[in-house]
């Protein structure tokens, strides 16, 4: 089940028997400490499941004539693919990971009409070769850092949403542009929909149409929620509370108990290997068989940019 920032924080506080007005170890309140651990846990889970169900939608950019290097978004972890559209054709660029090879390519003289073929990723930018000669549209697919959660659920007012419509109309609401990208749920137990646009303080638009029965003068929730598979949401408070107990409370035994459940779904199982079915390890073990990093394709002849420029040959891996 999808959880929101407010519900995750409250569950974590319940685990810690927390008093948010108490200052502990120079913290203004334990809320801020727990919020930090919640976001750290989300980032940890995000990394553990790699890019399965976490890969963001493609982002576009424009090249500049005679410009080699382009900045990457500040939250980018790595580039999965990069394409450049010339005319009506979208050309995939191959990565170059050797500084020496990139330097060699820069010594080659290509005409200004050459189609970009390669990109060279660096810490904060990437280079394109051959250098674009005009304004072209680039499309980048990559993995990005998860958004930090910090905003309490918004529930003020009521809403009207019609079945098969993506428009949410509020009464006594104060919708904002900051709500774009957050999640909406109408009623007490409906489905969750992502908000994609803001029209006014009383109108926002959902990413997909509202599939449930139309609602009128209904309660609702607009919330930040972890951008990881929903089945992992319930485990976030266990790790956050475990860090709290191992540091602030200095209760390593109880911290270990909570961490056991986080990893295995069993408070008394300290094992982290083997065929674990529960906890986040159970989820990760399932995803290992289906993630993009586990393709059944294997390289037969790997290209070498120094000696040849032919494409790699691939075949199905037999087990």
Protein backbone atom coordinates (compact mmCIF):
# COMPACT_ATOMS: atom_id res chain seq x y z
CA UNK A 1 0.00 0.00 0.00
CA UNK A 2 1.25 3.48 -0.85
CA UNK A 3 2.33 5.47 2.16
CA UNK A 4 2.79 9.23 2.43
CA UNK A 5 5.43 11.27 4.20
CA UNK A 6 3.04 12.02 7.06
CA UNK A 7 2.00 8.40 7.58
CA UNK A 8 5.60 7.15 7.43
CA UNK A 9 6.76 9.78 9.91
CA UNK A 10 3.91 9.02 12.29
CA UNK A 11 4.58 5.28 12.17
CA UNK A 12 8.27 5.88 12.84
CA UNK A 13 7.40 8.11 15.81
CA UNK A 14 5.07 5.41 17.11
CA UNK A 15 7.93 2.91 16.98
CA UNK A 16 10.13 5.36 18.87
CA UNK A 17 7.44 6.37 21.38
CA UNK A 18 8.47 9.84 20.29
CA UNK A 19 7.78 13.18 21.94
CA UNK A 20 8.43 15.73 19.18
CA UNK A 21 8.75 18.57 21.68
CA UNK A 22 11.75 16.99 23.39
CA UNK A 23 15.19 18.15 22.37
CA UNK A 24 17.67 15.25 22.22
CA UNK A 25 21.41 15.39 21.51
CA UNK A 26 21.33 18.97 20.20
CA UNK A 27 18.42 18.21 17.83
CA UNK A 28 15.68 20.82 17.68
CA UNK A 29 13.26 17.90 17.81
CA UNK A 30 13.33 14.21 17.10
CA UNK A 31 11.06 14.87 14.09
CA UNK A 32 13.93 16.35 12.12
CA UNK A 33 16.20 13.43 13.01
CA UNK A 34 13.59 10.87 12.00
CA UNK A 35 12.80 12.75 8.78
CA UNK A 36 16.48 12.58 7.85
CA UNK A 37 16.55 8.84 8.50
CA UNK A 38 13.36 8.31 6.50
CA UNK A 39 14.90 10.01 3.48
CA UNK A 40 18.16 8.11 3.96
CA UNK A 41 16.21 4.86 3.99
CA UNK A 42 14.33 5.76 0.81
CA UNK A 43 17.62 6.55 -0.93
CA UNK A 44 19.09 3.26 0.33
CA UNK A 45 16.13 1.28 -1.03
CA UNK A 46 16.24 3.23 -4.27
CA UNK A 47 19.85 2.16 -4.78
CA UNK A 48 19.26 -1.44 -3.75
CA UNK A 49 16.56 -2.11 -6.33
CA UNK A 50 18.62 -0.39 -9.03
CA UNK A 51 16.52 0.95 -11.90
CA UNK A 52 13.64 -1.49 -11.73
CA UNK A 53 10.45 0.57 -11.41
CA UNK A 54 12.50 3.62 -10.39
CA UNK A 55 13.67 4.96 -13.74
CA UNK A 56 12.29 8.43 -14.42
CA UNK A 57 10.66 9.50 -17.64
CA UNK A 58 13.03 10.78 -20.37
CA UNK A 59 14.20 14.40 -20.18
CA UNK A 60 15.01 16.50 -23.22
CA UNK A 61 17.59 19.20 -23.88
CA UNK A 62 18.80 21.23 -26.86
CA UNK A 63 22.30 21.25 -28.27
CA UNK A 64 24.13 24.44 -29.22
CA UNK A 65 26.11 24.82 -32.42
CA UNK A 66 29.83 24.10 -31.83
CA UNK A 67 29.31 23.36 -28.12
CA UNK A 68 30.86 20.10 -26.89
CA UNK A 69 29.85 19.85 -23.21
CA UNK A 70 26.42 19.99 -21.58
CA UNK A 71 25.49 20.07 -17.91
CA UNK A 72 23.49 17.21 -16.44
CA UNK A 73 20.61 17.70 -13.98
CA UNK A 74 21.91 18.10 -10.44
CA UNK A 75 19.98 15.05 -9.22
CA UNK A 76 21.24 12.70 -11.94
CA UNK A 77 22.96 9.51 -10.73
CA UNK A 78 23.87 8.04 -14.10
CA UNK A 79 22.90 8.19 -17.76
CA UNK A 80 21.20 5.04 -19.04
CA UNK A 81 20.83 6.19 -22.64
CA UNK A 82 21.30 9.33 -24.70
CA UNK A 83 19.84 10.01 -28.14
CA UNK A 84 20.04 12.93 -30.56
CA UNK A 85 17.24 13.61 -33.03
CA UNK A 86 18.35 14.71 -36.50
CA UNK A 87 15.45 15.32 -38.84
CA UNK A 88 12.94 12.61 -38.00
CA UNK A 89 15.51 10.03 -36.88
CA UNK A 90 16.54 9.54 -33.26
CA UNK A 91 20.17 8.40 -33.13
CA UNK A 92 21.41 6.53 -30.03
CA UNK A 93 24.82 7.68 -28.77
CA UNK A 94 27.37 5.21 -27.42
CA UNK A 95 29.25 6.00 -24.20
CA UNK A 96 33.01 6.53 -24.11
CA UNK A 97 34.43 5.97 -20.62
CA UNK A 98 38.13 6.44 -21.36
CA UNK A 99 39.62 9.94 -21.08
CA UNK A 100 42.43 8.90 -23.40
CA UNK A 101 40.02 7.67 -26.07
CA UNK A 102 37.90 10.81 -25.73
CA UNK A 103 41.01 12.95 -26.25
CA UNK A 104 41.87 10.95 -29.35
CA UNK A 105 38.42 11.50 -30.77
CA UNK A 106 38.77 15.25 -30.31
CA UNK A 107 41.77 15.17 -32.66
CA UNK A 108 39.71 13.71 -35.51
CA UNK A 109 38.32 16.20 -38.01
CA UNK A 110 34.70 15.66 -39.01
CA UNK A 111 32.58 17.88 -41.24
CA UNK A 112 29.98 20.09 -39.61
CA UNK A 113 27.20 17.88 -40.97
CA UNK A 114 28.35 14.83 -39.02
CA UNK A 115 25.72 13.12 -36.89
CA UNK A 116 26.68 12.82 -33.20
CA UNK A 117 27.73 9.27 -32.38
CA UNK A 118 29.25 9.21 -28.87
CA UNK A 119 28.99 10.84 -25.48
CA UNK A 120 31.55 11.16 -22.69
CA UNK A 121 30.04 11.30 -19.16
CA UNK A 122 31.82 13.30 -16.46
CA UNK A 123 30.89 14.31 -12.92
CA UNK A 124 28.75 17.32 -13.74
CA UNK A 125 28.44 17.28 -17.52
CA UNK A 126 28.89 15.16 -20.63
CA UNK A 127 30.53 15.70 -24.00
CA UNK A 128 29.05 14.90 -27.43
CA UNK A 129 31.09 13.75 -30.42
CA UNK A 130 31.15 14.81 -33.18
CA UNK A 131 30.39 18.28 -31.87
CA UNK A 132 26.83 19.30 -32.83
CA UNK A 133 26.78 21.81 -35.68
CA UNK A 134 23.30 23.13 -34.99
CA UNK A 135 20.41 23.10 -32.53
CA UNK A 136 19.25 19.50 -32.10
CA UNK A 137 16.97 17.81 -29.59
CA UNK A 138 18.61 15.40 -27.18
CA UNK A 139 16.76 12.89 -25.04
CA UNK A 140 18.30 11.57 -21.83
CA UNK A 141 17.13 8.56 -19.87
CA UNK A 142 18.78 8.13 -16.50
CA UNK A 143 18.49 7.35 -12.84
CA UNK A 144 17.94 10.25 -10.46
CA UNK A 145 18.19 10.77 -6.73
CA UNK A 146 14.80 10.34 -5.06
CA UNK A 147 13.09 13.55 -4.00
CA UNK A 148 13.45 14.26 -0.30
CA UNK A 149 10.19 14.09 1.61
CA UNK A 150 9.45 16.95 3.99
CA UNK A 151 5.91 18.23 3.37
CA UNK A 152 2.95 17.18 5.49
CA UNK A 153 -0.12 15.77 3.75
CA UNK A 154 -2.55 18.41 2.47
CA UNK A 155 -6.23 17.77 3.22
CA UNK A 156 -7.89 21.22 3.49
CA UNK A 157 -11.23 21.62 1.71
CA UNK A 158 -13.19 19.19 -0.45
CA UNK A 159 -12.98 18.11 -4.10
CA UNK A 160 -15.09 17.04 -7.05
CA UNK A 161 -13.67 14.51 -9.52
CA UNK A 162 -15.63 12.92 -12.35
CA UNK A 163 -15.00 9.36 -13.47
CA UNK A 164 -12.79 9.21 -16.62
CA UNK A 165 -11.72 12.84 -16.13
CA UNK A 166 -8.25 13.99 -15.03
CA UNK A 167 -9.45 17.31 -13.57
CA UNK A 168 -9.68 17.79 -9.80
CA UNK A 169 -11.83 20.76 -8.74
CA UNK A 170 -11.59 21.93 -5.17
CA UNK A 171 -13.72 23.96 -2.79
CA UNK A 172 -11.98 25.94 -0.03
CA UNK A 173 -8.66 24.56 -1.28
CA UNK A 174 -5.31 26.26 -1.80
CA UNK A 175 -3.59 24.18 -4.44
CA UNK A 176 -0.07 25.32 -5.43
CA UNK A 177 2.41 24.68 -8.22
CA UNK A 178 4.57 22.82 -5.68
CA UNK A 179 1.94 20.05 -5.71
CA UNK A 180 2.95 19.01 -9.23
CA UNK A 181 4.56 15.59 -8.91
CA UNK A 182 2.78 14.77 -5.65
CA UNK A 183 0.09 12.14 -5.26
CA UNK A 184 -3.69 12.61 -5.00
CA UNK A 185 -6.28 10.31 -3.46
CA UNK A 186 -9.97 11.10 -3.23
CA UNK A 187 -12.10 9.75 -0.41
CA UNK A 188 -10.83 7.58 2.42
CA UNK A 189 -9.50 4.54 0.58
CA UNK A 190 -9.32 5.25 -3.11
CA UNK A 191 -6.49 4.82 -5.60
CA UNK A 192 -3.52 7.14 -5.88
CA UNK A 193 -2.92 9.37 -8.92
CA UNK A 194 0.04 11.63 -9.67
CA UNK A 195 -0.59 15.36 -10.21
CA UNK A 196 0.96 16.66 -13.43
CA UNK A 197 -0.24 20.26 -13.75
CA UNK A 198 -1.57 23.21 -11.76
CA UNK A 199 -4.27 25.55 -13.05
CA UNK A 200 -5.36 27.50 -9.99
CA UNK A 201 -5.76 27.25 -6.24
CA UNK A 202 -8.88 25.17 -6.90
CA UNK A 203 -7.91 23.14 -9.99
CA UNK A 204 -5.15 20.59 -10.64
CA UNK A 205 -4.82 17.87 -13.27
CA UNK A 206 -3.94 14.21 -12.76
CA UNK A 207 -1.51 12.20 -14.88
CA UNK A 208 -4.25 9.70 -15.74
CA UNK A 209 -8.01 9.85 -15.64
CA UNK A 210 -9.87 9.17 -12.41
CA UNK A 211 -10.99 5.53 -12.80
CA UNK A 212 -13.25 5.27 -9.78
CA UNK A 213 -16.83 6.32 -9.20
CA UNK A 214 -17.25 10.10 -9.40
CA UNK A 215 -16.93 11.91 -6.08
CA UNK A 216 -18.43 15.21 -4.97
CA UNK A 217 -17.70 17.34 -1.88
CA UNK A 218 -15.26 14.60 -0.93
CA UNK A 219 -12.35 14.57 1.45
CA UNK A 220 -8.96 14.00 -0.19
CA UNK A 221 -5.22 13.78 0.37
CA UNK A 222 -2.40 15.40 -1.63
CA UNK A 223 0.92 14.08 -0.43
CA UNK A 224 4.57 13.38 -1.05
CA UNK A 225 5.19 9.66 -1.33
CA UNK A 226 8.37 7.60 -1.93
CA UNK A 227 9.05 6.94 -5.61
CA UNK A 228 9.81 3.27 -4.99
CA UNK A 229 7.55 0.21 -5.29
CA UNK A 230 4.68 0.46 -2.81
CA UNK A 231 5.44 -2.92 -1.25
CA UNK A 232 8.63 -1.40 0.20
CA UNK A 233 6.91 1.56 1.87
CA UNK A 234 5.90 -0.31 5.02
CA UNK A 235 9.53 -1.17 5.85
CA UNK A 236 10.85 2.41 5.84
CA UNK A 237 9.89 3.23 9.47
CA UNK A 238 11.70 0.14 10.77
CA UNK A 239 15.12 1.24 9.51
CA UNK A 240 14.57 4.88 10.50
CA UNK A 241 13.53 3.85 14.02
CA UNK A 242 16.46 1.41 14.25
CA UNK A 243 18.94 4.23 13.61
CA UNK A 244 17.16 6.33 16.25
CA UNK A 245 17.46 3.57 18.85
CA UNK A 246 21.07 2.74 18.00
CA UNK A 247 22.17 6.39 18.31
CA UNK A 248 19.86 8.66 20.31
CA UNK A 249 18.48 5.99 22.64
CA UNK A 250 21.67 3.86 22.63
CA UNK A 251 19.63 0.67 22.67
CA UNK A 252 21.48 -1.59 20.23
CA UNK A 253 19.42 -4.68 21.05
CA UNK A 254 16.09 -3.13 20.11
CA UNK A 255 17.70 -1.41 17.12
CA UNK A 256 18.88 -4.81 15.88
CA UNK A 257 15.37 -6.22 16.32
CA UNK A 258 13.89 -3.47 14.16
CA UNK A 259 16.62 -3.86 11.55
CA UNK A 260 15.98 -7.60 11.40
CA UNK A 261 12.38 -6.93 10.44
CA UNK A 262 13.46 -4.31 7.90
CA UNK A 263 15.67 -6.83 6.10
CA UNK A 264 13.82 -10.13 6.60
CA UNK A 265 10.28 -9.45 7.82
CA UNK A 266 11.17 -11.35 11.00
CA UNK A 267 12.16 -9.58 14.23
CA UNK A 268 14.35 -12.51 15.30
CA UNK A 269 16.10 -13.36 12.02
CA UNK A 270 19.55 -11.78 11.88
CA UNK A 271 20.45 -13.66 8.70
CA UNK A 272 21.05 -11.50 5.63
CA UNK A 273 21.84 -14.19 3.08
CA UNK A 274 20.16 -17.13 1.41
CA UNK A 275 16.61 -17.45 0.19
CA UNK A 276 14.92 -14.85 2.39
CA UNK A 277 11.27 -14.42 1.46
CA UNK A 278 10.26 -11.46 3.63
CA UNK A 279 11.40 -7.90 4.31
CA UNK A 280 13.22 -5.78 1.78
CA UNK A 281 15.61 -8.63 0.97
CA UNK A 282 12.67 -10.74 -0.18
CA UNK A 283 11.55 -7.93 -2.49
CA UNK A 284 15.08 -7.34 -3.77
CA UNK A 285 15.60 -11.05 -4.44
CA UNK A 286 12.51 -11.05 -6.65
CA UNK A 287 13.59 -7.91 -8.48
CA UNK A 288 17.04 -9.34 -9.16
CA UNK A 289 15.40 -11.75 -11.58
CA UNK A 290 13.49 -9.08 -13.48
CA UNK A 291 15.49 -5.85 -13.39
CA UNK A 292 17.05 -4.38 -16.51
CA UNK A 293 20.51 -5.08 -15.16
CA UNK A 294 19.78 -8.80 -15.43
CA UNK A 295 19.11 -9.14 -19.13
CA UNK A 296 19.50 -12.62 -20.60
CA UNK A 297 21.66 -11.12 -23.34
CA UNK A 298 25.40 -11.56 -23.20
CA UNK A 299 28.18 -9.93 -25.22
CA UNK A 300 29.87 -12.20 -27.77
CA UNK A 301 32.35 -9.71 -29.24
CA UNK A 302 32.87 -6.52 -27.32
CA UNK A 303 33.75 -3.49 -29.41
CA UNK A 304 37.11 -1.83 -28.96
CA UNK A 305 37.10 1.81 -29.96
CA UNK A 306 40.84 1.73 -30.58
CA UNK A 307 40.96 -1.14 -33.04
CA UNK A 308 37.52 -1.36 -34.57
CA UNK A 309 34.26 0.54 -34.74
CA UNK A 310 31.86 -2.34 -35.37
CA UNK A 311 28.77 -2.89 -33.25
CA UNK A 312 28.75 -5.45 -30.51
CA UNK A 313 27.20 -8.85 -31.26
CA UNK A 314 24.70 -10.21 -28.79
CA UNK A 315 23.12 -13.61 -28.16
CA UNK A 316 20.75 -15.17 -25.68
CA UNK A 317 22.49 -16.47 -22.57
CA UNK A 318 21.78 -20.13 -21.91
CA UNK A 319 21.71 -21.50 -18.39
